[in-house]
Amino acid sequence: MKLACALREIRGDRSLRDVAETAGVNRGLLSDLERGRRLAPDRIVRALEVAYGQPAHAWYPPEVLLVIQRDEEA
């Protein structure tokens, strides 16, 4: 399944390496997140928000955020 995600567009001209270093995650994970192959783990969402300069609701559509919210409540 591929998730709708706008992280790549938000990153703009910055390198994947730069954003990964800023967020403190490896490039492979970040690449998977940008391609919609994985959801951002809860433990790194805040770091990604800082690194990309956008809140999570800017990268994921509402239906994906609802899935994340339901998962957190379980």
N, C-alpha and C. Protein backbone atom coordinates (compact mmCIF):
# COMPACT_ATOMS: atom_id res chain seq x y z
N MET A 1 0.84 -1.17 0.00
CA MET A 1 0.00 0.00 0.00
C MET A 1 0.89 1.24 0.00
N LYS A 2 0.52 2.22 -0.77
CA LYS A 2 1.25 3.48 -0.81
C LYS A 2 0.37 4.57 -0.21
N LEU A 3 0.94 5.35 0.69
CA LEU A 3 0.21 6.40 1.38
C LEU A 3 0.43 7.74 0.69
N ALA A 4 -0.58 8.56 0.70
CA ALA A 4 -0.42 9.92 0.19
C ALA A 4 0.43 10.70 1.18
N CYS A 5 1.50 11.30 0.69
CA CYS A 5 2.42 12.02 1.55
C CYS A 5 3.07 13.15 0.76
N ALA A 6 3.17 14.33 1.38
CA ALA A 6 3.73 15.49 0.68
C ALA A 6 5.12 15.88 1.19
N LEU A 7 5.79 14.99 1.92
CA LEU A 7 7.10 15.35 2.47
C LEU A 7 8.11 15.74 1.40
N ARG A 8 8.13 15.03 0.30
CA ARG A 8 9.09 15.34 -0.76
C ARG A 8 8.88 16.76 -1.28
N GLU A 9 7.64 17.13 -1.49
CA GLU A 9 7.36 18.47 -1.99
C GLU A 9 7.74 19.53 -0.96
N ILE A 10 7.47 19.24 0.31
CA ILE A 10 7.81 20.18 1.37
C ILE A 10 9.32 20.35 1.50
N ARG A 11 10.07 19.27 1.28
CA ARG A 11 11.54 19.33 1.40
C ARG A 11 12.14 20.29 0.38
N GLY A 12 11.52 20.40 -0.78
CA GLY A 12 12.00 21.33 -1.80
C GLY A 12 13.41 21.01 -2.27
N ASP A 13 14.31 22.00 -2.26
CA ASP A 13 15.67 21.84 -2.77
C ASP A 13 16.64 21.28 -1.74
N ARG A 14 16.19 21.12 -0.51
CA ARG A 14 17.08 20.57 0.51
C ARG A 14 17.37 19.11 0.21
N SER A 15 18.55 18.66 0.56
CA SER A 15 18.89 17.26 0.31
C SER A 15 18.24 16.34 1.34
N LEU A 16 18.03 15.12 0.93
CA LEU A 16 17.50 14.10 1.84
C LEU A 16 18.45 13.96 3.04
N ARG A 17 19.75 13.99 2.78
CA ARG A 17 20.75 13.88 3.84
C ARG A 17 20.59 15.00 4.87
N ASP A 18 20.42 16.22 4.40
CA ASP A 18 20.28 17.36 5.29
C ASP A 18 19.07 17.20 6.21
N VAL A 19 17.93 16.84 5.64
CA VAL A 19 16.72 16.69 6.43
C VAL A 19 16.87 15.50 7.39
N ALA A 20 17.44 14.41 6.92
CA ALA A 20 17.63 13.24 7.79
C ALA A 20 18.53 13.58 8.98
N GLU A 21 19.60 14.31 8.74
CA GLU A 21 20.50 14.71 9.83
C GLU A 21 19.79 15.64 10.80
N THR A 22 19.01 16.58 10.29
CA THR A 22 18.29 17.51 11.14
C THR A 22 17.27 16.78 12.01
N ALA A 23 16.60 15.79 11.43
CA ALA A 23 15.58 15.03 12.16
C ALA A 23 16.18 13.93 13.04
N GLY A 24 17.43 13.57 12.78
CA GLY A 24 18.05 12.50 13.55
C GLY A 24 17.57 11.11 13.15
N VAL A 25 17.26 10.93 11.85
CA VAL A 25 16.82 9.63 11.34
C VAL A 25 17.71 9.24 10.17
N ASN A 26 17.69 7.95 9.83
CA ASN A 26 18.51 7.54 8.68
C ASN A 26 17.80 7.86 7.37
N ARG A 27 18.59 8.00 6.34
CA ARG A 27 18.05 8.39 5.03
C ARG A 27 17.10 7.36 4.44
N GLY A 28 17.35 6.08 4.72
CA GLY A 28 16.47 5.03 4.20
C GLY A 28 15.05 5.17 4.72
N LEU A 29 14.94 5.41 6.03
CA LEU A 29 13.61 5.62 6.62
C LEU A 29 12.96 6.85 6.02
N LEU A 30 13.72 7.93 5.95
CA LEU A 30 13.16 9.17 5.41
C LEU A 30 12.71 9.00 3.97
N SER A 31 13.48 8.29 3.18
CA SER A 31 13.11 8.03 1.79
C SER A 31 11.80 7.24 1.73
N ASP A 32 11.67 6.21 2.58
CA ASP A 32 10.43 5.43 2.62
C ASP A 32 9.24 6.30 3.01
N LEU A 33 9.45 7.20 3.97
CA LEU A 33 8.36 8.10 4.38
C LEU A 33 7.96 9.02 3.24
N GLU A 34 8.95 9.59 2.57
CA GLU A 34 8.65 10.51 1.45
C GLU A 34 7.96 9.81 0.30
N ARG A 35 8.26 8.55 0.09
CA ARG A 35 7.65 7.79 -1.01
C ARG A 35 6.30 7.18 -0.63
N GLY A 36 5.90 7.36 0.64
CA GLY A 36 4.63 6.83 1.10
C GLY A 36 4.65 5.34 1.35
N ARG A 37 5.82 4.77 1.54
CA ARG A 37 5.94 3.34 1.80
C ARG A 37 5.72 2.99 3.27
N ARG A 38 5.92 3.98 4.14
CA ARG A 38 5.76 3.77 5.59
C ARG A 38 5.13 5.01 6.20
N LEU A 39 4.51 4.82 7.35
CA LEU A 39 4.03 5.93 8.16
C LEU A 39 5.15 6.36 9.10
N ALA A 40 5.21 7.62 9.41
CA ALA A 40 6.20 8.10 10.36
C ALA A 40 5.91 7.53 11.73
N PRO A 41 6.88 6.86 12.35
CA PRO A 41 6.66 6.36 13.71
C PRO A 41 6.41 7.52 14.68
N ASP A 42 5.56 7.28 15.66
CA ASP A 42 5.21 8.33 16.62
C ASP A 42 6.45 8.97 17.24
N ARG A 43 7.47 8.17 17.50
CA ARG A 43 8.64 8.68 18.21
C ARG A 43 9.43 9.72 17.42
N ILE A 44 9.20 9.81 16.11
CA ILE A 44 9.97 10.79 15.33
C ILE A 44 9.12 11.88 14.67
N VAL A 45 7.81 11.84 14.87
CA VAL A 45 6.95 12.83 14.21
C VAL A 45 7.37 14.26 14.57
N ARG A 46 7.60 14.54 15.85
CA ARG A 46 7.97 15.91 16.25
C ARG A 46 9.29 16.31 15.60
N ALA A 47 10.27 15.42 15.55
CA ALA A 47 11.55 15.73 14.91
C ALA A 47 11.36 16.03 13.43
N LEU A 48 10.46 15.30 12.77
CA LEU A 48 10.18 15.55 11.35
C LEU A 48 9.48 16.89 11.16
N GLU A 49 8.58 17.22 12.07
CA GLU A 49 7.91 18.52 11.98
C GLU A 49 8.93 19.65 12.06
N VAL A 50 9.90 19.52 12.93
CA VAL A 50 10.95 20.54 13.05
C VAL A 50 11.83 20.55 11.80
N ALA A 51 12.27 19.37 11.36
CA ALA A 51 13.18 19.28 10.21
C ALA A 51 12.55 19.81 8.92
N TYR A 52 11.27 19.52 8.72
CA TYR A 52 10.59 19.97 7.50
C TYR A 52 9.96 21.35 7.66
N GLY A 53 9.82 21.80 8.91
CA GLY A 53 9.22 23.10 9.15
C GLY A 53 7.73 23.14 8.90
N GLN A 54 7.09 21.98 8.99
CA GLN A 54 5.64 21.87 8.74
C GLN A 54 5.05 20.86 9.72
N PRO A 55 3.83 21.09 10.20
CA PRO A 55 3.18 20.11 11.07
C PRO A 55 2.75 18.88 10.27
N ALA A 56 2.55 17.78 10.98
CA ALA A 56 2.19 16.51 10.33
C ALA A 56 0.96 16.63 9.44
N HIS A 57 0.00 17.46 9.81
CA HIS A 57 -1.20 17.57 8.97
C HIS A 57 -0.90 18.22 7.62
N ALA A 58 0.28 18.81 7.46
CA ALA A 58 0.68 19.36 6.16
C ALA A 58 1.21 18.28 5.22
N TRP A 59 1.69 17.16 5.78
CA TRP A 59 2.25 16.12 4.91
C TRP A 59 1.29 14.99 4.65
N TYR A 60 0.41 14.71 5.59
CA TYR A 60 -0.53 13.61 5.41
C TYR A 60 -1.95 14.15 5.27
N PRO A 61 -2.75 13.56 4.40
CA PRO A 61 -4.15 13.97 4.30
C PRO A 61 -4.91 13.51 5.55
N PRO A 62 -6.09 14.10 5.81
CA PRO A 62 -6.85 13.78 7.02
C PRO A 62 -7.12 12.30 7.24
N GLU A 63 -7.39 11.56 6.18
CA GLU A 63 -7.70 10.14 6.37
C GLU A 63 -6.50 9.35 6.90
N VAL A 64 -5.29 9.74 6.54
CA VAL A 64 -4.10 9.08 7.07
C VAL A 64 -3.91 9.46 8.53
N LEU A 65 -4.14 10.71 8.86
CA LEU A 65 -4.01 11.15 10.25
C LEU A 65 -5.02 10.43 11.14
N LEU A 66 -6.21 10.15 10.62
CA LEU A 66 -7.20 9.41 11.41
C LEU A 66 -6.71 8.00 11.70
N VAL A 67 -6.05 7.37 10.76
CA VAL A 67 -5.50 6.04 10.98
C VAL A 67 -4.42 6.10 12.06
N ILE A 68 -3.56 7.10 11.99
CA ILE A 68 -2.51 7.27 12.99
C ILE A 68 -3.13 7.50 14.37
N GLN A 69 -4.15 8.35 14.43
CA GLN A 69 -4.80 8.64 15.70
C GLN A 69 -5.43 7.39 16.29
N ARG A 70 -6.10 6.60 15.46
CA ARG A 70 -6.72 5.36 15.95
C ARG A 70 -5.66 4.40 16.48
N ASP A 71 -4.52 4.33 15.79
CA ASP A 71 -3.44 3.46 16.21
C ASP A 71 -2.90 3.90 17.58
N GLU A 72 -2.77 5.20 17.80
CA GLU A 72 -2.27 5.71 19.07
C GLU A 72 -3.24 5.43 20.20
N GLU A 73 -4.54 5.41 19.91
CA GLU A 73 -5.56 5.17 20.94
C GLU A 73 -5.65 3.70 21.33
N ALA A 74 -5.22 2.82 20.44
CA ALA A 74 -5.34 1.37 20.70
C ALA A 74 -4.37 0.88 21.76
